[in-house]
PDB file of N, CA and C in Angstrom:
ATOM      1  N   MET A   1       0.843  -1.181   0.000  1.00  0.00           N
ATOM      2  CA  MET A   1       0.000   0.000   0.000  1.00  0.00           C
ATOM      3  C   MET A   1       0.889   1.245   0.000  1.00  0.00           C
ATOM      4  N   THR A   2       0.455   2.278  -0.678  1.00  0.00           N
ATOM      5  CA  THR A   2       1.215   3.526  -0.746  1.00  0.00           C
ATOM      6  C   THR A   2       1.117   4.277   0.579  1.00  0.00           C
ATOM      7  N   TYR A   3       1.995   5.260   0.759  1.00  0.00           N
ATOM      8  CA  TYR A   3       1.923   6.106   1.953  1.00  0.00           C
ATOM      9  C   TYR A   3       0.578   6.814   2.016  1.00  0.00           C
ATOM     10  N   ALA A   4       0.138   7.352   0.888  1.00  0.00           N
ATOM     11  CA  ALA A   4      -1.152   8.038   0.847  1.00  0.00           C
ATOM     12  C   ALA A   4      -2.288   7.051   1.131  1.00  0.00           C
ATOM     13  N   GLY A   5      -2.163   5.839   0.630  1.00  0.00           N
ATOM     14  CA  GLY A   5      -3.178   4.819   0.893  1.00  0.00           C
ATOM     15  C   GLY A   5      -3.281   4.495   2.371  1.00  0.00           C
ATOM     16  N   THR A   6      -2.131   4.415   3.040  1.00  0.00           N
ATOM     17  CA  THR A   6      -2.122   4.172   4.484  1.00  0.00           C
ATOM     18  C   THR A   6      -2.796   5.322   5.210  1.00  0.00           C
ATOM     19  N   ALA A   7      -2.447   6.570   4.836  1.00  0.00           N
ATOM     20  CA  ALA A   7      -3.048   7.747   5.468  1.00  0.00           C
ATOM     21  C   ALA A   7      -4.557   7.760   5.247  1.00  0.00           C
ATOM     22  N   ARG A   8      -4.980   7.524   4.023  1.00  0.00           N
ATOM     23  CA  ARG A   8      -6.415   7.535   3.686  1.00  0.00           C
ATOM     24  C   ARG A   8      -7.156   6.453   4.468  1.00  0.00           C
ATOM     25  N   GLN A   9      -6.634   5.228   4.442  1.00  0.00           N
ATOM     26  CA  GLN A   9      -7.295   4.117   5.115  1.00  0.00           C
ATOM     27  C   GLN A   9      -7.440   4.395   6.618  1.00  0.00           C
ATOM     28  N   PHE A  10      -6.385   4.892   7.236  1.00  0.00           N
ATOM     29  CA  PHE A  10      -6.462   5.151   8.668  1.00  0.00           C
ATOM     30  C   PHE A  10      -7.408   6.313   8.965  1.00  0.00           C
ATOM     31  N   ALA A  11      -7.303   7.403   8.205  1.00  0.00           N
ATOM     32  CA  ALA A  11      -8.180   8.561   8.439  1.00  0.00           C
ATOM     33  C   ALA A  11      -9.645   8.152   8.345  1.00  0.00           C
ATOM     34  N   LEU A  12      -9.964   7.334   7.367  1.00  0.00           N
ATOM     35  CA  LEU A  12     -11.355   6.916   7.181  1.00  0.00           C
ATOM     36  C   LEU A  12     -11.820   5.897   8.216  1.00  0.00           C
ATOM     37  N   SER A  13     -10.880   5.290   8.949  1.00  0.00           N
ATOM     38  CA  SER A  13     -11.257   4.334   9.990  1.00  0.00           C
ATOM     39  C   SER A  13     -11.667   5.023  11.296  1.00  0.00           C
ATOM     40  N   LEU A  14     -11.392   6.312  11.417  1.00  0.00           N
ATOM     41  CA  LEU A  14     -11.726   7.045  12.638  1.00  0.00           C
ATOM     42  C   LEU A  14     -13.226   7.336  12.673  1.00  0.00           C
ATOM     43  N   PRO A  15     -13.806   7.397  13.867  1.00  0.00           N
ATOM     44  CA  PRO A  15     -15.258   7.584  13.983  1.00  0.00           C
ATOM     45  C   PRO A  15     -15.769   8.811  13.229  1.00  0.00           C
ATOM     46  N   GLU A  16     -16.830   8.610  12.478  1.00  0.00           N
ATOM     47  CA  GLU A  16     -17.550   9.639  11.736  1.00  0.00           C
ATOM     48  C   GLU A  16     -16.707  10.384  10.706  1.00  0.00           C
ATOM     49  N   SER A  17     -15.592   9.806  10.286  1.00  0.00           N
ATOM     50  CA  SER A  17     -14.767  10.499   9.289  1.00  0.00           C
ATOM     51  C   SER A  17     -15.269  10.208   7.883  1.00  0.00           C
ATOM     52  N   CYS A  18     -15.036  11.167   7.007  1.00  0.00           N
ATOM     53  CA  CYS A  18     -15.391  11.001   5.609  1.00  0.00           C
ATOM     54  C   CYS A  18     -14.363  11.753   4.770  1.00  0.00           C
ATOM     55  N   GLU A  19     -14.321  11.423   3.486  1.00  0.00           N
ATOM     56  CA  GLU A  19     -13.406  12.078   2.556  1.00  0.00           C
ATOM     57  C   GLU A  19     -14.199  13.038   1.683  1.00  0.00           C
ATOM     58  N   ALA A  20     -13.649  14.224   1.452  1.00  0.00           N
ATOM     59  CA  ALA A  20     -14.284  15.219   0.593  1.00  0.00           C
ATOM     60  C   ALA A  20     -13.204  16.047  -0.091  1.00  0.00           C
ATOM     61  N   ASP A  21     -13.552  16.609  -1.235  1.00  0.00           N
ATOM     62  CA  ASP A  21     -12.617  17.464  -1.964  1.00  0.00           C
ATOM     63  C   ASP A  21     -12.441  18.795  -1.233  1.00  0.00           C
ATOM     64  N   HIS A  22     -11.211  19.289  -1.221  1.00  0.00           N
ATOM     65  CA  HIS A  22     -10.925  20.609  -0.667  1.00  0.00           C
ATOM     66  C   HIS A  22      -9.966  21.314  -1.618  1.00  0.00           C
ATOM     67  N   HIS A  23     -10.517  22.125  -2.503  1.00  0.00           N
ATOM     68  CA  HIS A  23      -9.727  22.858  -3.506  1.00  0.00           C
ATOM     69  C   HIS A  23      -8.850  21.923  -4.337  1.00  0.00           C
ATOM     70  N   GLY A  24      -9.390  20.788  -4.739  1.00  0.00           N
ATOM     71  CA  GLY A  24      -8.671  19.849  -5.591  1.00  0.00           C
ATOM     72  C   GLY A  24      -7.863  18.799  -4.863  1.00  0.00           C
ATOM     73  N   SER A  25      -7.847  18.841  -3.550  1.00  0.00           N
ATOM     74  CA  SER A  25      -7.106  17.856  -2.751  1.00  0.00           C
ATOM     75  C   SER A  25      -8.072  17.046  -1.898  1.00  0.00           C
ATOM     76  N   PRO A  26      -7.744  15.771  -1.660  1.00  0.00           N
ATOM     77  CA  PRO A  26      -8.597  14.984  -0.768  1.00  0.00           C
ATOM     78  C   PRO A  26      -8.429  15.447   0.681  1.00  0.00           C
ATOM     79  N   SER A  27      -9.553  15.706   1.347  1.00  0.00           N
ATOM     80  CA  SER A  27      -9.500  16.063   2.763  1.00  0.00           C
ATOM     81  C   SER A  27     -10.324  15.056   3.545  1.00  0.00           C
ATOM     82  N   PHE A  28     -10.016  14.965   4.822  1.00  0.00           N
ATOM     83  CA  PHE A  28     -10.708  14.039   5.714  1.00  0.00           C
ATOM     84  C   PHE A  28     -11.328  14.868   6.827  1.00  0.00           C
ATOM     85  N   ARG A  29     -12.614  14.613   7.064  1.00  0.00           N
ATOM     86  CA  ARG A  29     -13.386  15.460   7.962  1.00  0.00           C
ATOM     87  C   ARG A  29     -14.123  14.648   9.008  1.00  0.00           C
ATOM     88  N   VAL A  30     -14.351  15.293  10.128  1.00  0.00           N
ATOM     89  CA  VAL A  30     -15.223  14.754  11.164  1.00  0.00           C
ATOM     90  C   VAL A  30     -16.254  15.838  11.439  1.00  0.00           C
ATOM     91  N   ARG A  31     -17.526  15.473  11.259  1.00  0.00           N
ATOM     92  CA  ARG A  31     -18.639  16.415  11.424  1.00  0.00           C
ATOM     93  C   ARG A  31     -18.396  17.718  10.663  1.00  0.00           C
ATOM     94  N   GLY A  32     -17.884  17.583   9.440  1.00  0.00           N
ATOM     95  CA  GLY A  32     -17.707  18.722   8.556  1.00  0.00           C
ATOM     96  C   GLY A  32     -16.418  19.500   8.730  1.00  0.00           C
ATOM     97  N   LYS A  33     -15.615  19.167   9.735  1.00  0.00           N
ATOM     98  CA  LYS A  33     -14.368  19.891   9.982  1.00  0.00           C
ATOM     99  C   LYS A  33     -13.175  19.061   9.515  1.00  0.00           C
ATOM    100  N   ILE A  34     -12.269  19.702   8.790  1.00  0.00           N
ATOM    101  CA  ILE A  34     -11.087  19.011   8.269  1.00  0.00           C
ATOM    102  C   ILE A  34     -10.118  18.688   9.403  1.00  0.00           C
ATOM    103  N   PHE A  35      -9.671  17.415   9.447  1.00  0.00           N
ATOM    104  CA  PHE A  35      -8.627  17.043  10.389  1.00  0.00           C
ATOM    105  C   PHE A  35      -7.361  16.575   9.670  1.00  0.00           C
ATOM    106  N   ALA A  36      -7.438  16.289   8.386  1.00  0.00           N
ATOM    107  CA  ALA A  36      -6.261  15.904   7.600  1.00  0.00           C
ATOM    108  C   ALA A  36      -6.552  16.157   6.130  1.00  0.00           C
ATOM    109  N   GLU A  37      -5.486  16.358   5.379  1.00  0.00           N
ATOM    110  CA  GLU A  37      -5.615  16.579   3.944  1.00  0.00           C
ATOM    111  C   GLU A  37      -4.386  16.005   3.258  1.00  0.00           C
ATOM    112  N   LEU A  38      -4.580  15.479   2.073  1.00  0.00           N
ATOM    113  CA  LEU A  38      -3.464  15.036   1.240  1.00  0.00           C
ATOM    114  C   LEU A  38      -3.204  16.092   0.180  1.00  0.00           C
ATOM    115  N   SER A  39      -1.950  16.204  -0.242  1.00  0.00           N
ATOM    116  CA  SER A  39      -1.638  17.110  -1.350  1.00  0.00           C
ATOM    117  C   SER A  39      -2.247  16.540  -2.625  1.00  0.00           C
ATOM    118  N   GLU A  40      -2.355  17.365  -3.656  1.00  0.00           N
ATOM    119  CA  GLU A  40      -2.954  16.904  -4.917  1.00  0.00           C
ATOM    120  C   GLU A  40      -2.225  15.692  -5.472  1.00  0.00           C
ATOM    121  N   ASP A  41      -0.891  15.668  -5.347  1.00  0.00           N
ATOM    122  CA  ASP A  41      -0.120  14.531  -5.856  1.00  0.00           C
ATOM    123  C   ASP A  41       0.015  13.401  -4.827  1.00  0.00           C
ATOM    124  N   GLU A  42      -0.582  13.595  -3.663  1.00  0.00           N
ATOM    125  CA  GLU A  42      -0.636  12.612  -2.578  1.00  0.00           C
ATOM    126  C   GLU A  42       0.742  12.198  -2.071  1.00  0.00           C
ATOM    127  N   THR A  43       1.707  13.104  -2.101  1.00  0.00           N
ATOM    128  CA  THR A  43       3.030  12.832  -1.531  1.00  0.00           C
ATOM    129  C   THR A  43       3.182  13.462  -0.152  1.00  0.00           C
ATOM    130  N   GLU A  44       2.237  14.338   0.203  1.00  0.00           N
ATOM    131  CA  GLU A  44       2.288  15.016   1.494  1.00  0.00           C
ATOM    132  C   GLU A  44       0.913  14.989   2.142  1.00  0.00           C
ATOM    133  N   ALA A  45       0.930  15.140   3.456  1.00  0.00           N
ATOM    134  CA  ALA A  45      -0.312  15.268   4.219  1.00  0.00           C
ATOM    135  C   ALA A  45      -0.196  16.514   5.078  1.00  0.00           C
ATOM    136  N   ILE A  46      -1.335  17.047   5.466  1.00  0.00           N
ATOM    137  CA  ILE A  46      -1.391  18.169   6.393  1.00  0.00           C
ATOM    138  C   ILE A  46      -2.299  17.745   7.535  1.00  0.00           C
ATOM    139  N   VAL A  47      -1.823  17.926   8.756  1.00  0.00           N
ATOM    140  CA  VAL A  47      -2.599  17.592   9.941  1.00  0.00           C
ATOM    141  C   VAL A  47      -2.491  18.731  10.948  1.00  0.00           C
ATOM    142  N   LYS A  48      -3.447  18.788  11.850  1.00  0.00           N
ATOM    143  CA  LYS A  48      -3.433  19.782  12.922  1.00  0.00           C
ATOM    144  C   LYS A  48      -2.868  19.120  14.170  1.00  0.00           C
ATOM    145  N   LEU A  49      -1.875  19.754  14.764  1.00  0.00           N
ATOM    146  CA  LEU A  49      -1.214  19.196  15.935  1.00  0.00           C
ATOM    147  C   LEU A  49      -1.126  20.234  17.043  1.00  0.00           C
ATOM    148  N   PRO A  50      -1.002  19.783  18.291  1.00  0.00           N
ATOM    149  CA  PRO A  50      -0.712  20.737  19.360  1.00  0.00           C
ATOM    150  C   PRO A  50       0.639  21.405  19.049  1.00  0.00           C
ATOM    151  N   GLN A  51       0.752  22.695  19.299  1.00  0.00           N
ATOM    152  CA  GLN A  51       1.978  23.389  18.910  1.00  0.00           C
ATOM    153  C   GLN A  51       3.251  22.791  19.506  1.00  0.00           C
ATOM    154  N   PRO A  52       3.265  22.316  20.763  1.00  0.00           N
ATOM    155  CA  PRO A  52       4.502  21.703  21.255  1.00  0.00           C
ATOM    156  C   PRO A  52       4.923  20.485  20.415  1.00  0.00           C
ATOM    157  N   VAL A  53       3.955  19.686  19.998  1.00  0.00           N
ATOM    158  CA  VAL A  53       4.251  18.522  19.146  1.00  0.00           C
ATOM    159  C   VAL A  53       4.750  19.004  17.785  1.00  0.00           C
ATOM    160  N   GLN A  54       4.073  19.990  17.224  1.00  0.00           N
ATOM    161  CA  GLN A  54       4.459  20.562  15.942  1.00  0.00           C
ATOM    162  C   GLN A  54       5.910  21.048  15.996  1.00  0.00           C
ATOM    163  N   PHE A  55       6.249  21.834  17.002  1.00  0.00           N
ATOM    164  CA  PHE A  55       7.598  22.398  17.111  1.00  0.00           C
ATOM    165  C   PHE A  55       8.649  21.300  17.284  1.00  0.00           C
ATOM    166  N   GLU A  56       8.328  20.279  18.080  1.00  0.00           N
ATOM    167  CA  GLU A  56       9.259  19.171  18.307  1.00  0.00           C
ATOM    168  C   GLU A  56       9.534  18.402  17.010  1.00  0.00           C
ATOM    169  N   LEU A  57       8.481  18.123  16.248  1.00  0.00           N
ATOM    170  CA  LEU A  57       8.649  17.398  14.984  1.00  0.00           C
ATOM    171  C   LEU A  57       9.500  18.187  13.996  1.00  0.00           C
ATOM    172  N   VAL A  58       9.190  19.472  13.847  1.00  0.00           N
ATOM    173  CA  VAL A  58       9.927  20.307  12.892  1.00  0.00           C
ATOM    174  C   VAL A  58      11.393  20.424  13.306  1.00  0.00           C
ATOM    175  N   ALA A  59      11.649  20.576  14.599  1.00  0.00           N
ATOM    176  CA  ALA A  59      13.031  20.669  15.079  1.00  0.00           C
ATOM    177  C   ALA A  59      13.785  19.361  14.862  1.00  0.00           C
ATOM    178  N   SER A  60      13.086  18.233  15.013  1.00  0.00           N
ATOM    179  CA  SER A  60      13.755  16.930  14.893  1.00  0.00           C
ATOM    180  C   SER A  60      13.993  16.517  13.452  1.00  0.00           C
ATOM    181  N   ASP A  61      13.126  16.953  12.519  1.00  0.00           N
ATOM    182  CA  ASP A  61      13.263  16.531  11.121  1.00  0.00           C
ATOM    183  C   ASP A  61      12.621  17.564  10.189  1.00  0.00           C
ATOM    184  N   PRO A  62      13.327  18.691   9.940  1.00  0.00           N
ATOM    185  CA  PRO A  62      12.743  19.751   9.113  1.00  0.00           C
ATOM    186  C   PRO A  62      12.565  19.389   7.641  1.00  0.00           C
ATOM    187  N   GLU A  63      13.137  18.292   7.190  1.00  0.00           N
ATOM    188  CA  GLU A  63      12.921  17.839   5.813  1.00  0.00           C
ATOM    189  C   GLU A  63      11.566  17.144   5.666  1.00  0.00           C
ATOM    190  N   THR A  64      11.102  16.540   6.745  1.00  0.00           N
ATOM    191  CA  THR A  64       9.855  15.782   6.722  1.00  0.00           C
ATOM    192  C   THR A  64       8.666  16.586   7.238  1.00  0.00           C
ATOM    193  N   PHE A  65       8.890  17.443   8.230  1.00  0.00           N
ATOM    194  CA  PHE A  65       7.812  18.191   8.875  1.00  0.00           C
ATOM    195  C   PHE A  65       8.032  19.690   8.684  1.00  0.00           C
ATOM    196  N   VAL A  66       6.996  20.371   8.195  1.00  0.00           N
ATOM    197  CA  VAL A  66       7.078  21.802   7.905  1.00  0.00           C
ATOM    198  C   VAL A  66       5.837  22.487   8.459  1.00  0.00           C
ATOM    199  N   ILE A  67       6.028  23.614   9.124  1.00  0.00           N
ATOM    200  CA  ILE A  67       4.898  24.403   9.606  1.00  0.00           C
ATOM    201  C   ILE A  67       4.282  25.108   8.411  1.00  0.00           C
ATOM    202  N   GLU A  68       2.985  24.940   8.238  1.00  0.00           N
ATOM    203  CA  GLU A  68       2.264  25.558   7.127  1.00  0.00           C
ATOM    204  C   GLU A  68       2.301  27.080   7.240  1.00  0.00           C
ATOM    205  N   PRO A  69       2.578  27.777   6.128  1.00  0.00           N
ATOM    206  CA  PRO A  69       2.512  29.239   6.172  1.00  0.00           C
ATOM    207  C   PRO A  69       1.101  29.678   6.593  1.00  0.00           C
ATOM    208  N   HIS A  70       0.993  30.692   7.350  1.00  0.00           N
ATOM    209  CA  HIS A  70      -0.234  31.268   7.903  1.00  0.00           C
ATOM    210  C   HIS A  70      -0.972  30.291   8.824  1.00  0.00           C
ATOM    211  N   TRP A  71      -1.393  29.143   8.339  1.00  0.00           N
ATOM    212  CA  TRP A  71      -2.190  28.203   9.132  1.00  0.00           C
ATOM    213  C   TRP A  71      -1.356  27.463  10.176  1.00  0.00           C
ATOM    214  N   GLY A  72      -0.040  27.514  10.065  1.00  0.00           N
ATOM    215  CA  GLY A  72       0.830  26.850  11.029  1.00  0.00           C
ATOM    216  C   GLY A  72       0.652  27.355  12.441  1.00  0.00           C
ATOM    217  N   ARG A  73       0.290  28.607  12.592  1.00  0.00           N
ATOM    218  CA  ARG A  73       0.097  29.149  13.939  1.00  0.00           C
ATOM    219  C   ARG A  73      -1.094  28.512  14.641  1.00  0.00           C
ATOM    220  N   PHE A  74      -1.938  27.816  13.879  1.00  0.00           N
ATOM    221  CA  PHE A  74      -3.059  27.072  14.453  1.00  0.00           C
ATOM    222  C   PHE A  74      -2.734  25.582  14.584  1.00  0.00           C
ATOM    223  N   GLY A  75      -1.474  25.204  14.336  1.00  0.00           N
ATOM    224  CA  GLY A  75      -1.039  23.817  14.491  1.00  0.00           C
ATOM    225  C   GLY A  75      -0.941  23.019  13.208  1.00  0.00           C
ATOM    226  N   TRP A  76      -1.337  23.599  12.064  1.00  0.00           N
ATOM    227  CA  TRP A  76      -1.331  22.839  10.818  1.00  0.00           C
ATOM    228  C   TRP A  76       0.105  22.601  10.357  1.00  0.00           C
ATOM    229  N   THR A  77       0.412  21.334  10.135  1.00  0.00           N
ATOM    230  CA  THR A  77       1.771  20.883   9.848  1.00  0.00           C
ATOM    231  C   THR A  77       1.773  20.005   8.607  1.00  0.00           C
ATOM    232  N   ARG A  78       2.695  20.284   7.699  1.00  0.00           N
ATOM    233  CA  ARG A  78       2.838  19.503   6.463  1.00  0.00           C
ATOM    234  C   ARG A  78       3.816  18.354   6.733  1.00  0.00           C
ATOM    235  N   ILE A  79       3.451  17.173   6.241  1.00  0.00           N
ATOM    236  CA  ILE A  79       4.257  15.965   6.445  1.00  0.00           C
ATOM    237  C   ILE A  79       4.643  15.382   5.089  1.00  0.00           C
ATOM    238  N   GLN A  80       5.921  15.164   4.868  1.00  0.00           N
ATOM    239  CA  GLN A  80       6.387  14.454   3.675  1.00  0.00           C
ATOM    240  C   GLN A  80       6.142  12.972   3.954  1.00  0.00           C
ATOM    241  N   LEU A  81       5.191  12.364   3.262  1.00  0.00           N
ATOM    242  CA  LEU A  81       4.770  11.002   3.592  1.00  0.00           C
ATOM    243  C   LEU A  81       5.877   9.970   3.477  1.00  0.00           C
ATOM    244  N   SER A  82       6.732  10.091   2.478  1.00  0.00           N
ATOM    245  CA  SER A  82       7.771   9.076   2.283  1.00  0.00           C
ATOM    246  C   SER A  82       8.805   9.088   3.409  1.00  0.00           C
ATOM    247  N   GLY A  83       8.870  10.146   4.196  1.00  0.00           N
ATOM    248  CA  GLY A  83       9.826  10.219   5.295  1.00  0.00           C
ATOM    249  C   GLY A  83       9.233   9.864   6.637  1.00  0.00           C
ATOM    250  N   THR A  84       7.998   9.353   6.641  1.00  0.00           N
ATOM    251  CA  THR A  84       7.286   9.111   7.893  1.00  0.00           C
ATOM    252  C   THR A  84       6.901   7.647   8.027  1.00  0.00           C
ATOM    253  N   ALA A  85       7.250   7.050   9.150  1.00  0.00           N
ATOM    254  CA  ALA A  85       6.875   5.654   9.419  1.00  0.00           C
ATOM    255  C   ALA A  85       5.353   5.559   9.518  1.00  0.00           C
ATOM    256  N   PRO A  86       4.764   4.477   9.023  1.00  0.00           N
ATOM    257  CA  PRO A  86       3.302   4.338   9.063  1.00  0.00           C
ATOM    258  C   PRO A  86       2.704   4.516  10.456  1.00  0.00           C
ATOM    259  N   GLU A  87       3.338   3.989  11.487  1.00  0.00           N
ATOM    260  CA  GLU A  87       2.786   4.120  12.847  1.00  0.00           C
ATOM    261  C   GLU A  87       2.836   5.566  13.325  1.00  0.00           C
ATOM    262  N   THR A  88       3.894   6.290  12.955  1.00  0.00           N
ATOM    263  CA  THR A  88       3.983   7.709  13.300  1.00  0.00           C
ATOM    264  C   THR A  88       2.889   8.481  12.581  1.00  0.00           C
ATOM    265  N   LEU A  89       2.706   8.197  11.305  1.00  0.00           N
ATOM    266  CA  LEU A  89       1.676   8.860  10.521  1.00  0.00           C
ATOM    267  C   LEU A  89       0.294   8.618  11.133  1.00  0.00           C
ATOM    268  N   LYS A  90       0.001   7.384  11.495  1.00  0.00           N
ATOM    269  CA  LYS A  90      -1.286   7.059  12.106  1.00  0.00           C
ATOM    270  C   LYS A  90      -1.478   7.827  13.413  1.00  0.00           C
ATOM    271  N   ASP A  91      -0.421   7.911  14.227  1.00  0.00           N
ATOM    272  CA  ASP A  91      -0.499   8.635  15.490  1.00  0.00           C
ATOM    273  C   ASP A  91      -0.792  10.125  15.251  1.00  0.00           C
ATOM    274  N   LEU A  92      -0.122  10.721  14.270  1.00  0.00           N
ATOM    275  CA  LEU A  92      -0.327  12.140  13.987  1.00  0.00           C
ATOM    276  C   LEU A  92      -1.731  12.413  13.451  1.00  0.00           C
ATOM    277  N   ILE A  93      -2.238  11.529  12.611  1.00  0.00           N
ATOM    278  CA  ILE A  93      -3.609  11.679  12.107  1.00  0.00           C
ATOM    279  C   ILE A  93      -4.613  11.553  13.256  1.00  0.00           C
ATOM    280  N   ALA A  94      -4.367  10.603  14.165  1.00  0.00           N
ATOM    281  CA  ALA A  94      -5.261  10.426  15.317  1.00  0.00           C
ATOM    282  C   ALA A  94      -5.234  11.651  16.222  1.00  0.00           C
ATOM    283  N   GLN A  95      -4.054  12.223  16.439  1.00  0.00           N
ATOM    284  CA  GLN A  95      -3.964  13.442  17.254  1.00  0.00           C
ATOM    285  C   GLN A  95      -4.759  14.571  16.613  1.00  0.00           C
ATOM    286  N   SER A  96      -4.642  14.693  15.304  1.00  0.00           N
ATOM    287  CA  SER A  96      -5.356  15.736  14.580  1.00  0.00           C
ATOM    288  C   SER A  96      -6.868  15.528  14.696  1.00  0.00           C
ATOM    289  N   TRP A  97      -7.313  14.296  14.528  1.00  0.00           N
ATOM    290  CA  TRP A  97      -8.740  13.980  14.654  1.00  0.00           C
ATOM    291  C   TRP A  97      -9.252  14.390  16.038  1.00  0.00           C
ATOM    292  N   ARG A  98      -8.476  14.058  17.083  1.00  0.00           N
ATOM    293  CA  ARG A  98      -8.899  14.398  18.453  1.00  0.00           C
ATOM    294  C   ARG A  98      -8.987  15.910  18.665  1.00  0.00           C
ATOM    295  N   LEU A  99      -8.110  16.672  18.025  1.00  0.00           N
ATOM    296  CA  LEU A  99      -8.157  18.133  18.160  1.00  0.00           C
ATOM    297  C   LEU A  99      -9.368  18.738  17.456  1.00  0.00           C
ATOM    298  N   VAL A 100      -9.831  18.109  16.400  1.00  0.00           N
ATOM    299  CA  VAL A 100     -10.895  18.683  15.568  1.00  0.00           C
ATOM    300  C   VAL A 100     -12.278  18.140  15.934  1.00  0.00           C
ATOM    301  N   ALA A 101     -12.373  16.897  16.384  1.00  0.00           N
ATOM    302  CA  ALA A 101     -13.672  16.298  16.720  1.00  0.00           C
ATOM    303  C   ALA A 101     -14.348  17.109  17.830  1.00  0.00           C
ATOM    304  N   PRO A 102     -15.661  17.250  17.773  1.00  0.00           N
ATOM    305  CA  PRO A 102     -16.367  18.001  18.816  1.00  0.00           C
ATOM    306  C   PRO A 102     -16.064  17.432  20.200  1.00  0.00           C
ATOM    307  N   ARG A 103     -15.804  18.302  21.151  1.00  0.00           N
ATOM    308  CA  ARG A 103     -15.422  17.887  22.520  1.00  0.00           C
ATOM    309  C   ARG A 103     -16.501  17.027  23.171  1.00  0.00           C
ATOM    310  N   ASN A 104     -17.748  17.383  22.980  1.00  0.00           N
ATOM    311  CA  ASN A 104     -18.816  16.629  23.630  1.00  0.00           C
ATOM    312  C   ASN A 104     -19.039  15.261  22.971  1.00  0.00           C
ATOM    313  N   TRP A 105     -18.371  15.007  21.865  1.00  0.00           N
ATOM    314  CA  TRP A 105     -18.520  13.736  21.179  1.00  0.00           C
ATOM    315  C   TRP A 105     -17.429  12.753  21.543  1.00  0.00           C
ATOM    316  N   LEU A 106     -16.258  13.252  21.964  1.00  0.00           N
ATOM    317  CA  LEU A 106     -15.111  12.382  22.206  1.00  0.00           C
ATOM    318  C   LEU A 106     -15.433  11.347  23.287  1.00  0.00           C
ATOM    319  N   PRO A 107     -14.996  10.113  23.060  1.00  0.00           N
ATOM    320  CA  PRO A 107     -15.196   9.083  24.080  1.00  0.00           C
ATOM    321  C   PRO A 107     -14.509   9.485  25.392  1.00  0.00           C
ATOM    322  N   ARG A 108     -15.070   9.103  26.507  1.00  0.00           N
ATOM    323  CA  ARG A 108     -14.477   9.428  27.813  1.00  0.00           C
ATOM    324  C   ARG A 108     -13.079   8.839  27.927  1.00  0.00           C
ATOM    325  N   GLY A 109     -12.219   9.573  28.606  1.00  0.00           N
ATOM    326  CA  GLY A 109     -10.850   9.094  28.836  1.00  0.00           C
ATOM    327  C   GLY A 109      -9.939   9.306  27.663  1.00  0.00           C
ATOM    328  N   LYS A 110     -10.379   9.964  26.591  1.00  0.00           N
ATOM    329  CA  LYS A 110      -9.531  10.171  25.412  1.00  0.00           C
ATOM    330  C   LYS A 110      -9.035  11.586  25.378  1.00  0.00           C
TER     331      LYS A 110
END
């Protein structure tokens, strides 16, 4: 399976997630809010992360993780898929989903 295929499959496995177009790119949403997006060529993903996690990733591997211009201040981080282990990618997508999913919907203890 491709890196994008892994990202897509995992994103769609999260509760109430769906795929929709966002300006020509596939995006993944929960209750209408984007929690992840693939680039048009599906070589990169964008996820929303807590800023401490975002800063740590970018500092540790600036070739793979990039803070999005303008939207980066809200935690949006670009990921080069080929430089990311599948388990790391799944964890980052799950973190993004948890940040975007409605608070009153999240399962207890999460």
